[in-house]
Amino acid sequence: MPSKVSKANKVTAAQLAAFISTSIELNGVRLHLAVKASSELSDVERERIWNIFESNMRLLYTASSFGWDPHSKKEEMFHPRARFALCERCDDTTSSSEPFSRIVAYAIFRFEREAKQDVVYCYELQVIEESRRLGVGKLLTGALFDLGTRWGMEKVMLTVFKVSFDLDPSSPELVEDNGWQDADELDYDYVILSKSI
């Protein structure tokens, strides 16, 4: 019998999109949500997604234990099983004849098995500076919860650079002495967060 994760990974992006609200207005800004598989992204969308990530995260990665490795990060972000919840502004216009992406935020996620649980793992949640404080992050995380609920996942998980959050039991800061190294002696610059569905 196929696992819930296996079943969820076989679902098309169009089928996923059917279970989230695709049009919404937040603080007077009209937004559209779309779900796409990595293979469905246009070159313009890939470039926009990468540019938002680099603008938001390059300095943090450079100073972190992960380091700045664009090649490796692009492989992770555009992995064949990666799904994208894309948030686009509906009222943006451009006078350029060049292809234009209205993406202002996105979440990259996968259905995975983590710590013996079926989860929606959020690999990235990025919002451009001009669209922050509108509730876009809450909208995207809500979409991940809706998808996780529909496909029988147990929680939503994500890895973030350290800030004041509740730690998931699988976070490196909570790992008990397992013969490798005492967790109290390790200095991690990230935490793993989760919320049950």
N, C-alpha and C. Protein backbone atom coordinates (compact mmCIF):
# COMPACT_ATOMS: atom_id res chain seq x y z
N MET A 1 0.85 -1.19 0.00
CA MET A 1 0.00 0.00 0.00
C MET A 1 0.89 1.25 0.00
N PRO A 2 0.70 2.17 -0.96
CA PRO A 2 1.53 3.37 -1.04
C PRO A 2 1.33 4.26 0.19
N SER A 3 2.40 4.90 0.61
CA SER A 3 2.32 5.81 1.76
C SER A 3 1.60 7.10 1.37
N LYS A 4 1.20 7.85 2.38
CA LYS A 4 0.55 9.14 2.12
C LYS A 4 1.50 10.07 1.37
N VAL A 5 2.78 10.04 1.73
CA VAL A 5 3.76 10.89 1.06
C VAL A 5 3.88 10.50 -0.41
N SER A 6 3.93 9.20 -0.69
CA SER A 6 4.00 8.73 -2.08
C SER A 6 2.79 9.19 -2.87
N LYS A 7 1.62 9.06 -2.28
CA LYS A 7 0.39 9.49 -2.96
C LYS A 7 0.42 11.00 -3.22
N ALA A 8 0.81 11.78 -2.20
CA ALA A 8 0.85 13.24 -2.34
C ALA A 8 1.86 13.66 -3.40
N ASN A 9 2.97 12.95 -3.50
CA ASN A 9 3.99 13.30 -4.49
C ASN A 9 3.56 12.99 -5.91
N LYS A 10 2.52 12.18 -6.08
CA LYS A 10 2.01 11.86 -7.42
C LYS A 10 0.93 12.83 -7.88
N VAL A 11 0.47 13.67 -6.99
CA VAL A 11 -0.59 14.61 -7.31
C VAL A 11 -0.01 15.75 -8.15
N THR A 12 -0.74 16.16 -9.17
CA THR A 12 -0.27 17.25 -10.03
C THR A 12 -0.41 18.60 -9.31
N ALA A 13 0.31 19.57 -9.81
CA ALA A 13 0.20 20.92 -9.27
C ALA A 13 -1.22 21.46 -9.42
N ALA A 14 -1.85 21.15 -10.55
CA ALA A 14 -3.23 21.60 -10.76
C ALA A 14 -4.17 21.00 -9.72
N GLN A 15 -3.96 19.73 -9.38
CA GLN A 15 -4.79 19.11 -8.35
C GLN A 15 -4.53 19.75 -6.99
N LEU A 16 -3.30 20.09 -6.70
CA LEU A 16 -2.99 20.77 -5.44
C LEU A 16 -3.66 22.14 -5.39
N ALA A 17 -3.59 22.88 -6.49
CA ALA A 17 -4.15 24.23 -6.54
C ALA A 17 -5.65 24.23 -6.29
N ALA A 18 -6.32 23.13 -6.59
CA ALA A 18 -7.77 23.06 -6.39
C ALA A 18 -8.16 23.12 -4.91
N PHE A 19 -7.20 22.93 -4.01
CA PHE A 19 -7.51 22.89 -2.58
C PHE A 19 -7.04 24.12 -1.83
N ILE A 20 -6.67 25.17 -2.55
CA ILE A 20 -6.30 26.42 -1.88
C ILE A 20 -7.06 27.57 -2.53
N SER A 21 -7.21 28.65 -1.77
CA SER A 21 -7.83 29.85 -2.33
C SER A 21 -6.83 30.48 -3.29
N THR A 22 -7.25 30.77 -4.50
CA THR A 22 -6.30 31.28 -5.48
C THR A 22 -6.37 32.79 -5.68
N SER A 23 -7.44 33.43 -5.28
CA SER A 23 -7.55 34.89 -5.39
C SER A 23 -7.93 35.46 -4.04
N ILE A 24 -7.21 36.50 -3.66
CA ILE A 24 -7.46 37.10 -2.36
C ILE A 24 -7.02 38.55 -2.39
N GLU A 25 -7.61 39.34 -1.53
CA GLU A 25 -7.18 40.73 -1.37
C GLU A 25 -6.69 40.91 0.06
N LEU A 26 -5.47 41.41 0.20
CA LEU A 26 -4.88 41.67 1.51
C LEU A 26 -4.52 43.14 1.60
N ASN A 27 -5.11 43.83 2.55
CA ASN A 27 -4.82 45.25 2.75
C ASN A 27 -4.90 46.06 1.46
N GLY A 28 -5.92 45.80 0.66
CA GLY A 28 -6.14 46.54 -0.57
C GLY A 28 -5.31 46.08 -1.76
N VAL A 29 -4.53 45.02 -1.60
CA VAL A 29 -3.70 44.52 -2.69
C VAL A 29 -4.30 43.20 -3.18
N ARG A 30 -4.60 43.14 -4.48
CA ARG A 30 -5.15 41.91 -5.06
C ARG A 30 -4.01 40.94 -5.38
N LEU A 31 -4.16 39.70 -4.90
CA LEU A 31 -3.13 38.69 -5.07
C LEU A 31 -3.73 37.43 -5.68
N HIS A 32 -2.89 36.70 -6.38
CA HIS A 32 -3.28 35.43 -6.97
C HIS A 32 -2.27 34.37 -6.53
N LEU A 33 -2.76 33.22 -6.06
CA LEU A 33 -1.89 32.11 -5.71
C LEU A 33 -1.96 31.06 -6.81
N ALA A 34 -0.81 30.55 -7.17
CA ALA A 34 -0.71 29.46 -8.14
C ALA A 34 0.20 28.40 -7.55
N VAL A 35 -0.05 27.16 -7.90
CA VAL A 35 0.83 26.07 -7.49
C VAL A 35 1.44 25.48 -8.76
N LYS A 36 2.75 25.33 -8.74
CA LYS A 36 3.45 24.75 -9.88
C LYS A 36 4.51 23.77 -9.40
N ALA A 37 4.74 22.77 -10.21
CA ALA A 37 5.87 21.87 -9.99
C ALA A 37 7.11 22.55 -10.55
N SER A 38 8.25 22.15 -10.08
CA SER A 38 9.51 22.72 -10.55
C SER A 38 9.61 22.67 -12.07
N SER A 39 9.20 21.56 -12.65
CA SER A 39 9.29 21.38 -14.11
C SER A 39 8.35 22.29 -14.89
N GLU A 40 7.37 22.89 -14.22
CA GLU A 40 6.39 23.75 -14.89
C GLU A 40 6.77 25.22 -14.89
N LEU A 41 7.83 25.57 -14.17
CA LEU A 41 8.24 26.97 -14.08
C LEU A 41 8.87 27.45 -15.38
N SER A 42 8.52 28.65 -15.78
CA SER A 42 9.18 29.26 -16.94
C SER A 42 10.57 29.75 -16.52
N ASP A 43 11.40 30.05 -17.48
CA ASP A 43 12.72 30.61 -17.18
C ASP A 43 12.59 31.94 -16.44
N VAL A 44 11.60 32.74 -16.82
CA VAL A 44 11.37 34.03 -16.17
C VAL A 44 10.98 33.82 -14.71
N GLU A 45 10.11 32.84 -14.44
CA GLU A 45 9.70 32.55 -13.06
C GLU A 45 10.89 32.05 -12.24
N ARG A 46 11.68 31.15 -12.81
CA ARG A 46 12.87 30.64 -12.10
C ARG A 46 13.82 31.78 -11.74
N GLU A 47 14.04 32.66 -12.69
CA GLU A 47 14.93 33.79 -12.44
C GLU A 47 14.38 34.69 -11.34
N ARG A 48 13.09 34.96 -11.38
CA ARG A 48 12.46 35.82 -10.36
C ARG A 48 12.55 35.17 -8.98
N ILE A 49 12.26 33.87 -8.91
CA ILE A 49 12.33 33.14 -7.64
C ILE A 49 13.74 33.21 -7.08
N TRP A 50 14.73 32.95 -7.94
CA TRP A 50 16.12 33.00 -7.48
C TRP A 50 16.51 34.41 -7.04
N ASN A 51 16.11 35.43 -7.81
CA ASN A 51 16.48 36.80 -7.46
C ASN A 51 15.89 37.23 -6.12
N ILE A 52 14.66 36.83 -5.85
CA ILE A 52 14.06 37.14 -4.54
C ILE A 52 14.85 36.45 -3.44
N PHE A 53 15.15 35.17 -3.64
CA PHE A 53 15.92 34.43 -2.64
C PHE A 53 17.27 35.11 -2.40
N GLU A 54 17.99 35.40 -3.47
CA GLU A 54 19.32 35.98 -3.31
C GLU A 54 19.25 37.33 -2.62
N SER A 55 18.29 38.16 -2.98
CA SER A 55 18.14 39.47 -2.35
C SER A 55 17.85 39.35 -0.85
N ASN A 56 17.00 38.40 -0.49
CA ASN A 56 16.61 38.22 0.91
C ASN A 56 17.64 37.48 1.74
N MET A 57 18.36 36.53 1.14
CA MET A 57 19.09 35.56 1.96
C MET A 57 20.61 35.50 1.77
N ARG A 58 21.15 36.11 0.75
CA ARG A 58 22.58 35.93 0.48
C ARG A 58 23.45 36.30 1.68
N LEU A 59 23.22 37.44 2.29
CA LEU A 59 24.05 37.85 3.42
C LEU A 59 23.91 36.88 4.60
N LEU A 60 22.69 36.40 4.85
CA LEU A 60 22.50 35.45 5.95
C LEU A 60 23.24 34.14 5.68
N TYR A 61 23.14 33.64 4.45
CA TYR A 61 23.84 32.40 4.11
C TYR A 61 25.36 32.58 4.16
N THR A 62 25.84 33.71 3.69
CA THR A 62 27.28 33.96 3.68
C THR A 62 27.84 33.90 5.11
N ALA A 63 27.08 34.41 6.06
CA ALA A 63 27.53 34.44 7.46
C ALA A 63 27.21 33.16 8.22
N SER A 64 26.53 32.21 7.59
CA SER A 64 26.08 31.01 8.29
C SER A 64 27.02 29.83 8.09
N SER A 65 26.74 28.75 8.81
CA SER A 65 27.49 27.50 8.64
C SER A 65 27.23 26.87 7.28
N PHE A 66 26.12 27.23 6.63
CA PHE A 66 25.81 26.71 5.30
C PHE A 66 26.73 27.31 4.24
N GLY A 67 27.10 28.58 4.42
CA GLY A 67 27.88 29.29 3.43
C GLY A 67 27.04 29.62 2.20
N TRP A 68 27.58 30.44 1.33
CA TRP A 68 26.88 30.84 0.11
C TRP A 68 27.33 29.94 -1.03
N ASP A 69 26.43 29.06 -1.48
CA ASP A 69 26.73 28.11 -2.54
C ASP A 69 25.55 28.11 -3.51
N PRO A 70 25.54 29.05 -4.46
CA PRO A 70 24.39 29.17 -5.36
C PRO A 70 24.06 27.90 -6.12
N HIS A 71 25.06 27.19 -6.59
CA HIS A 71 24.80 25.97 -7.37
C HIS A 71 24.03 24.94 -6.54
N SER A 72 24.51 24.67 -5.34
CA SER A 72 23.85 23.70 -4.46
C SER A 72 22.45 24.16 -4.06
N LYS A 73 22.32 25.45 -3.78
CA LYS A 73 21.02 25.97 -3.36
C LYS A 73 20.01 25.89 -4.51
N LYS A 74 20.44 26.19 -5.72
CA LYS A 74 19.53 26.09 -6.87
C LYS A 74 19.09 24.64 -7.08
N GLU A 75 20.01 23.69 -6.89
CA GLU A 75 19.63 22.27 -7.02
C GLU A 75 18.55 21.92 -6.01
N GLU A 76 18.69 22.41 -4.77
CA GLU A 76 17.68 22.14 -3.75
C GLU A 76 16.36 22.82 -4.08
N MET A 77 16.43 24.09 -4.43
CA MET A 77 15.20 24.85 -4.68
C MET A 77 14.42 24.31 -5.87
N PHE A 78 15.11 23.93 -6.93
CA PHE A 78 14.43 23.51 -8.15
C PHE A 78 14.49 21.99 -8.33
N HIS A 79 14.54 21.28 -7.21
CA HIS A 79 14.55 19.82 -7.19
C HIS A 79 13.30 19.30 -7.92
N PRO A 80 13.40 18.15 -8.59
CA PRO A 80 12.24 17.62 -9.33
C PRO A 80 10.98 17.42 -8.49
N ARG A 81 11.11 17.15 -7.18
CA ARG A 81 9.91 16.98 -6.34
C ARG A 81 9.43 18.28 -5.72
N ALA A 82 10.15 19.37 -5.96
CA ALA A 82 9.76 20.65 -5.35
C ALA A 82 8.47 21.17 -5.98
N ARG A 83 7.63 21.70 -5.12
CA ARG A 83 6.39 22.37 -5.54
C ARG A 83 6.51 23.83 -5.10
N PHE A 84 5.87 24.69 -5.84
CA PHE A 84 5.94 26.12 -5.58
C PHE A 84 4.55 26.69 -5.39
N ALA A 85 4.32 27.35 -4.27
CA ALA A 85 3.12 28.16 -4.09
C ALA A 85 3.57 29.59 -4.40
N LEU A 86 3.13 30.10 -5.54
CA LEU A 86 3.56 31.41 -6.03
C LEU A 86 2.49 32.44 -5.76
N CYS A 87 2.89 33.55 -5.18
CA CYS A 87 1.96 34.64 -4.90
C CYS A 87 2.29 35.80 -5.84
N GLU A 88 1.33 36.16 -6.67
CA GLU A 88 1.53 37.22 -7.65
C GLU A 88 0.59 38.39 -7.39
N ARG A 89 1.09 39.59 -7.60
CA ARG A 89 0.23 40.78 -7.52
C ARG A 89 -0.56 40.88 -8.81
N CYS A 90 -1.84 41.14 -8.68
CA CYS A 90 -2.70 41.25 -9.86
C CYS A 90 -2.68 42.64 -10.45
N ASP A 91 -2.28 43.65 -9.70
CA ASP A 91 -2.36 45.03 -10.17
C ASP A 91 -1.04 45.57 -10.70
N ASP A 92 0.01 44.76 -10.71
CA ASP A 92 1.29 45.22 -11.26
C ASP A 92 1.22 45.28 -12.77
N THR A 93 1.82 46.28 -13.33
CA THR A 93 1.93 46.38 -14.78
C THR A 93 3.35 46.76 -15.14
N THR A 94 3.72 46.50 -16.34
CA THR A 94 5.05 46.88 -16.81
C THR A 94 4.92 47.44 -18.21
N SER A 95 5.75 48.42 -18.52
CA SER A 95 5.73 48.99 -19.86
C SER A 95 6.73 48.28 -20.77
N SER A 96 7.50 47.39 -20.21
CA SER A 96 8.51 46.67 -20.98
C SER A 96 7.87 45.57 -21.81
N SER A 97 8.46 45.31 -22.98
CA SER A 97 7.97 44.21 -23.80
C SER A 97 8.65 42.90 -23.41
N GLU A 98 9.59 42.97 -22.47
CA GLU A 98 10.27 41.76 -21.98
C GLU A 98 9.30 40.93 -21.14
N PRO A 99 9.50 39.60 -21.10
CA PRO A 99 8.69 38.77 -20.20
C PRO A 99 8.81 39.29 -18.77
N PHE A 100 7.72 39.29 -18.05
CA PHE A 100 7.65 39.92 -16.74
C PHE A 100 7.00 38.97 -15.74
N SER A 101 7.57 38.87 -14.57
CA SER A 101 6.99 38.06 -13.52
C SER A 101 6.48 38.96 -12.41
N ARG A 102 5.24 38.72 -11.99
CA ARG A 102 4.64 39.51 -10.92
C ARG A 102 4.75 38.80 -9.58
N ILE A 103 5.61 37.81 -9.48
CA ILE A 103 5.77 37.07 -8.23
C ILE A 103 6.32 38.01 -7.16
N VAL A 104 5.59 38.09 -6.03
CA VAL A 104 6.03 38.92 -4.91
C VAL A 104 6.39 38.08 -3.70
N ALA A 105 6.02 36.80 -3.74
CA ALA A 105 6.33 35.90 -2.63
C ALA A 105 6.13 34.47 -3.11
N TYR A 106 6.74 33.55 -2.39
CA TYR A 106 6.57 32.14 -2.72
C TYR A 106 6.95 31.26 -1.54
N ALA A 107 6.42 30.05 -1.57
CA ALA A 107 6.84 28.99 -0.67
C ALA A 107 7.24 27.81 -1.54
N ILE A 108 8.40 27.23 -1.23
CA ILE A 108 8.83 26.01 -1.90
C ILE A 108 8.63 24.89 -0.90
N PHE A 109 7.94 23.83 -1.33
CA PHE A 109 7.64 22.75 -0.39
C PHE A 109 7.72 21.40 -1.06
N ARG A 110 7.83 20.38 -0.21
CA ARG A 110 7.80 18.99 -0.66
C ARG A 110 7.03 18.18 0.37
N PHE A 111 6.42 17.12 -0.09
CA PHE A 111 5.83 16.13 0.82
C PHE A 111 6.95 15.14 1.14
N GLU A 112 7.24 14.96 2.43
CA GLU A 112 8.36 14.12 2.82
C GLU A 112 8.05 13.36 4.10
N ARG A 113 8.89 12.40 4.37
CA ARG A 113 8.85 11.64 5.62
C ARG A 113 10.01 12.14 6.47
N GLU A 114 9.71 12.75 7.60
CA GLU A 114 10.72 13.29 8.52
C GLU A 114 10.42 12.80 9.92
N ALA A 115 11.43 12.29 10.58
CA ALA A 115 11.28 11.84 11.97
C ALA A 115 10.07 10.92 12.12
N LYS A 116 9.91 9.99 11.17
CA LYS A 116 8.83 8.99 11.18
C LYS A 116 7.44 9.59 11.07
N GLN A 117 7.35 10.76 10.49
CA GLN A 117 6.06 11.42 10.30
C GLN A 117 5.95 11.92 8.86
N ASP A 118 4.71 11.93 8.34
CA ASP A 118 4.44 12.48 7.02
C ASP A 118 4.25 13.98 7.16
N VAL A 119 5.05 14.75 6.43
CA VAL A 119 5.04 16.20 6.61
C VAL A 119 5.04 16.94 5.29
N VAL A 120 4.58 18.17 5.35
CA VAL A 120 4.83 19.15 4.30
C VAL A 120 6.06 19.90 4.78
N TYR A 121 7.17 19.76 4.06
CA TYR A 121 8.40 20.45 4.46
C TYR A 121 8.54 21.70 3.61
N CYS A 122 8.55 22.85 4.27
CA CYS A 122 8.69 24.14 3.60
C CYS A 122 10.18 24.45 3.49
N TYR A 123 10.70 24.40 2.28
CA TYR A 123 12.12 24.67 2.05
C TYR A 123 12.43 26.15 2.00
N GLU A 124 11.52 26.92 1.50
CA GLU A 124 11.69 28.38 1.43
C GLU A 124 10.35 29.05 1.56
N LEU A 125 10.34 30.19 2.22
CA LEU A 125 9.21 31.10 2.20
C LEU A 125 9.82 32.48 2.10
N GLN A 126 9.66 33.10 0.95
CA GLN A 126 10.30 34.39 0.69
C GLN A 126 9.26 35.40 0.23
N VAL A 127 9.42 36.63 0.71
CA VAL A 127 8.53 37.74 0.35
C VAL A 127 9.41 38.94 -0.01
N ILE A 128 9.10 39.60 -1.12
CA ILE A 128 9.88 40.80 -1.47
C ILE A 128 9.61 41.88 -0.43
N GLU A 129 10.57 42.76 -0.26
CA GLU A 129 10.47 43.78 0.79
C GLU A 129 9.20 44.62 0.66
N GLU A 130 8.85 44.99 -0.55
CA GLU A 130 7.69 45.87 -0.77
C GLU A 130 6.36 45.20 -0.44
N SER A 131 6.33 43.89 -0.33
CA SER A 131 5.07 43.19 -0.05
C SER A 131 5.01 42.62 1.37
N ARG A 132 5.97 42.98 2.19
CA ARG A 132 5.95 42.52 3.58
C ARG A 132 4.92 43.32 4.37
N ARG A 133 4.47 42.73 5.45
CA ARG A 133 3.49 43.33 6.37
C ARG A 133 2.09 43.37 5.76
N LEU A 134 1.85 42.60 4.71
CA LEU A 134 0.51 42.50 4.12
C LEU A 134 -0.22 41.24 4.59
N GLY A 135 0.52 40.28 5.15
CA GLY A 135 -0.07 39.00 5.51
C GLY A 135 0.19 37.92 4.48
N VAL A 136 1.14 38.18 3.57
CA VAL A 136 1.43 37.22 2.51
C VAL A 136 2.05 35.94 3.07
N GLY A 137 2.95 36.06 4.04
CA GLY A 137 3.56 34.88 4.66
C GLY A 137 2.50 34.01 5.33
N LYS A 138 1.57 34.65 6.01
CA LYS A 138 0.47 33.91 6.64
C LYS A 138 -0.40 33.22 5.59
N LEU A 139 -0.63 33.89 4.49
CA LEU A 139 -1.40 33.31 3.39
C LEU A 139 -0.71 32.06 2.85
N LEU A 140 0.60 32.14 2.62
CA LEU A 140 1.34 31.01 2.08
C LEU A 140 1.41 29.85 3.08
N THR A 141 1.65 30.14 4.36
CA THR A 141 1.69 29.05 5.34
C THR A 141 0.30 28.42 5.49
N GLY A 142 -0.73 29.23 5.39
CA GLY A 142 -2.09 28.69 5.42
C GLY A 142 -2.33 27.73 4.26
N ALA A 143 -1.81 28.08 3.09
CA ALA A 143 -1.95 27.19 1.93
C ALA A 143 -1.23 25.87 2.18
N LEU A 144 -0.05 25.93 2.80
CA LEU A 144 0.68 24.69 3.11
C LEU A 144 -0.10 23.83 4.10
N PHE A 145 -0.74 24.45 5.08
CA PHE A 145 -1.56 23.69 6.03
C PHE A 145 -2.77 23.08 5.33
N ASP A 146 -3.39 23.84 4.43
CA ASP A 146 -4.54 23.30 3.69
C ASP A 146 -4.13 22.09 2.86
N LEU A 147 -3.00 22.18 2.19
CA LEU A 147 -2.52 21.06 1.37
C LEU A 147 -2.13 19.88 2.24
N GLY A 148 -1.47 20.16 3.35
CA GLY A 148 -1.09 19.08 4.27
C GLY A 148 -2.31 18.36 4.83
N THR A 149 -3.33 19.13 5.18
CA THR A 149 -4.56 18.55 5.70
C THR A 149 -5.21 17.66 4.64
N ARG A 150 -5.32 18.17 3.42
CA ARG A 150 -5.97 17.43 2.35
C ARG A 150 -5.27 16.11 2.04
N TRP A 151 -3.95 16.09 2.12
CA TRP A 151 -3.19 14.90 1.74
C TRP A 151 -2.72 14.09 2.94
N GLY A 152 -3.29 14.37 4.12
CA GLY A 152 -3.08 13.52 5.29
C GLY A 152 -1.72 13.65 5.96
N MET A 153 -1.06 14.78 5.81
CA MET A 153 0.21 14.99 6.48
C MET A 153 -0.03 15.30 7.96
N GLU A 154 0.98 15.07 8.77
CA GLU A 154 0.84 15.27 10.21
C GLU A 154 1.27 16.65 10.69
N LYS A 155 2.18 17.27 9.96
CA LYS A 155 2.64 18.59 10.37
C LYS A 155 3.28 19.30 9.21
N VAL A 156 3.50 20.59 9.40
CA VAL A 156 4.30 21.41 8.50
C VAL A 156 5.61 21.68 9.22
N MET A 157 6.72 21.48 8.52
CA MET A 157 8.04 21.69 9.11
C MET A 157 8.84 22.66 8.24
N LEU A 158 9.78 23.34 8.87
CA LEU A 158 10.70 24.19 8.14
C LEU A 158 11.96 24.43 8.95
N THR A 159 13.02 24.73 8.27
CA THR A 159 14.29 25.07 8.90
C THR A 159 14.49 26.57 8.73
N VAL A 160 14.83 27.25 9.82
CA VAL A 160 15.04 28.70 9.77
C VAL A 160 16.32 29.05 10.51
N PHE A 161 16.91 30.16 10.11
CA PHE A 161 18.02 30.68 10.89
C PHE A 161 17.47 31.08 12.25
N LYS A 162 18.31 31.01 13.28
CA LYS A 162 17.86 31.20 14.66
C LYS A 162 17.13 32.51 14.89
N VAL A 163 16.00 32.38 15.51
CA VAL A 163 15.22 33.48 16.07
C VAL A 163 14.43 32.88 17.21
N SER A 164 13.61 33.63 17.87
CA SER A 164 12.87 33.12 19.03
C SER A 164 11.61 32.38 18.60
N PHE A 165 11.72 31.06 18.43
CA PHE A 165 10.61 30.20 18.08
C PHE A 165 10.65 28.97 18.97
N ASP A 166 9.56 28.22 19.00
CA ASP A 166 9.56 26.92 19.66
C ASP A 166 10.30 25.95 18.76
N LEU A 167 11.16 25.15 19.35
CA LEU A 167 11.96 24.20 18.59
C LEU A 167 11.21 22.88 18.41
N ASP A 168 11.35 22.29 17.24
CA ASP A 168 10.84 20.96 16.98
C ASP A 168 11.76 19.96 17.64
N PRO A 169 11.23 18.81 18.11
CA PRO A 169 12.09 17.80 18.74
C PRO A 169 13.23 17.31 17.85
N SER A 170 13.12 17.45 16.54
CA SER A 170 14.21 17.01 15.67
C SER A 170 15.25 18.09 15.41
N SER A 171 15.06 19.27 16.00
CA SER A 171 16.03 20.34 15.83
C SER A 171 17.37 19.94 16.45
N PRO A 172 18.48 20.33 15.82
CA PRO A 172 19.79 19.94 16.36
C PRO A 172 20.03 20.42 17.78
N GLU A 173 19.39 21.47 18.21
CA GLU A 173 19.59 21.96 19.57
C GLU A 173 18.96 21.04 20.61
N LEU A 174 18.04 20.17 20.19
CA LEU A 174 17.38 19.29 21.14
C LEU A 174 17.83 17.84 21.02
N VAL A 175 18.76 17.57 20.13
CA VAL A 175 19.23 16.21 19.94
C VAL A 175 19.99 15.78 21.19
N GLU A 176 19.64 14.59 21.69
CA GLU A 176 20.33 14.08 22.87
C GLU A 176 21.66 13.47 22.47
N ASP A 177 22.53 13.28 23.46
CA ASP A 177 23.83 12.68 23.20
C ASP A 177 23.63 11.33 22.54
N ASN A 178 24.07 11.22 21.30
CA ASN A 178 23.87 9.99 20.55
C ASN A 178 25.19 9.35 20.13
N GLY A 179 26.24 9.69 20.84
CA GLY A 179 27.54 9.13 20.53
C GLY A 179 28.35 9.99 19.57
N TRP A 180 27.71 10.97 18.96
CA TRP A 180 28.43 11.83 18.02
C TRP A 180 29.05 13.00 18.76
N GLN A 181 28.21 13.79 19.40
CA GLN A 181 28.69 14.96 20.13
C GLN A 181 27.55 15.45 21.00
N ASP A 182 27.89 15.94 22.18
CA ASP A 182 26.88 16.45 23.09
C ASP A 182 26.25 17.69 22.48
N ALA A 183 24.92 17.71 22.42
CA ALA A 183 24.21 18.82 21.79
C ALA A 183 24.54 20.14 22.47
N ASP A 184 24.83 20.13 23.76
CA ASP A 184 25.16 21.37 24.46
C ASP A 184 26.47 21.97 23.96
N GLU A 185 27.32 21.16 23.36
CA GLU A 185 28.60 21.64 22.87
C GLU A 185 28.51 22.16 21.44
N LEU A 186 27.40 21.90 20.77
CA LEU A 186 27.25 22.31 19.39
C LEU A 186 26.61 23.68 19.31
N ASP A 187 27.07 24.46 18.36
CA ASP A 187 26.51 25.80 18.17
C ASP A 187 25.89 25.87 16.78
N TYR A 188 24.60 25.60 16.70
CA TYR A 188 23.90 25.64 15.43
C TYR A 188 23.36 27.04 15.18
N ASP A 189 23.34 27.45 13.93
CA ASP A 189 22.80 28.76 13.60
C ASP A 189 21.43 28.66 12.95
N TYR A 190 20.80 27.50 13.08
CA TYR A 190 19.46 27.28 12.55
C TYR A 190 18.67 26.41 13.51
N VAL A 191 17.38 26.45 13.35
CA VAL A 191 16.48 25.59 14.12
C VAL A 191 15.46 24.97 13.17
N ILE A 192 14.89 23.87 13.59
CA ILE A 192 13.82 23.21 12.83
C ILE A 192 12.52 23.46 13.59
N LEU A 193 11.58 24.05 12.90
CA LEU A 193 10.28 24.36 13.51
C LEU A 193 9.21 23.48 12.90
N SER A 194 8.17 23.25 13.67
CA SER A 194 7.04 22.51 13.13
C SER A 194 5.76 22.93 13.82
N LYS A 195 4.67 22.66 13.14
CA LYS A 195 3.35 22.87 13.72
C LYS A 195 2.47 21.73 13.25
N SER A 196 1.83 21.09 14.20
CA SER A 196 0.96 19.97 13.84
C SER A 196 -0.26 20.47 13.08
N ILE A 197 -0.72 19.61 12.19
CA ILE A 197 -1.90 19.95 11.39
C ILE A 197 -3.13 19.43 12.12
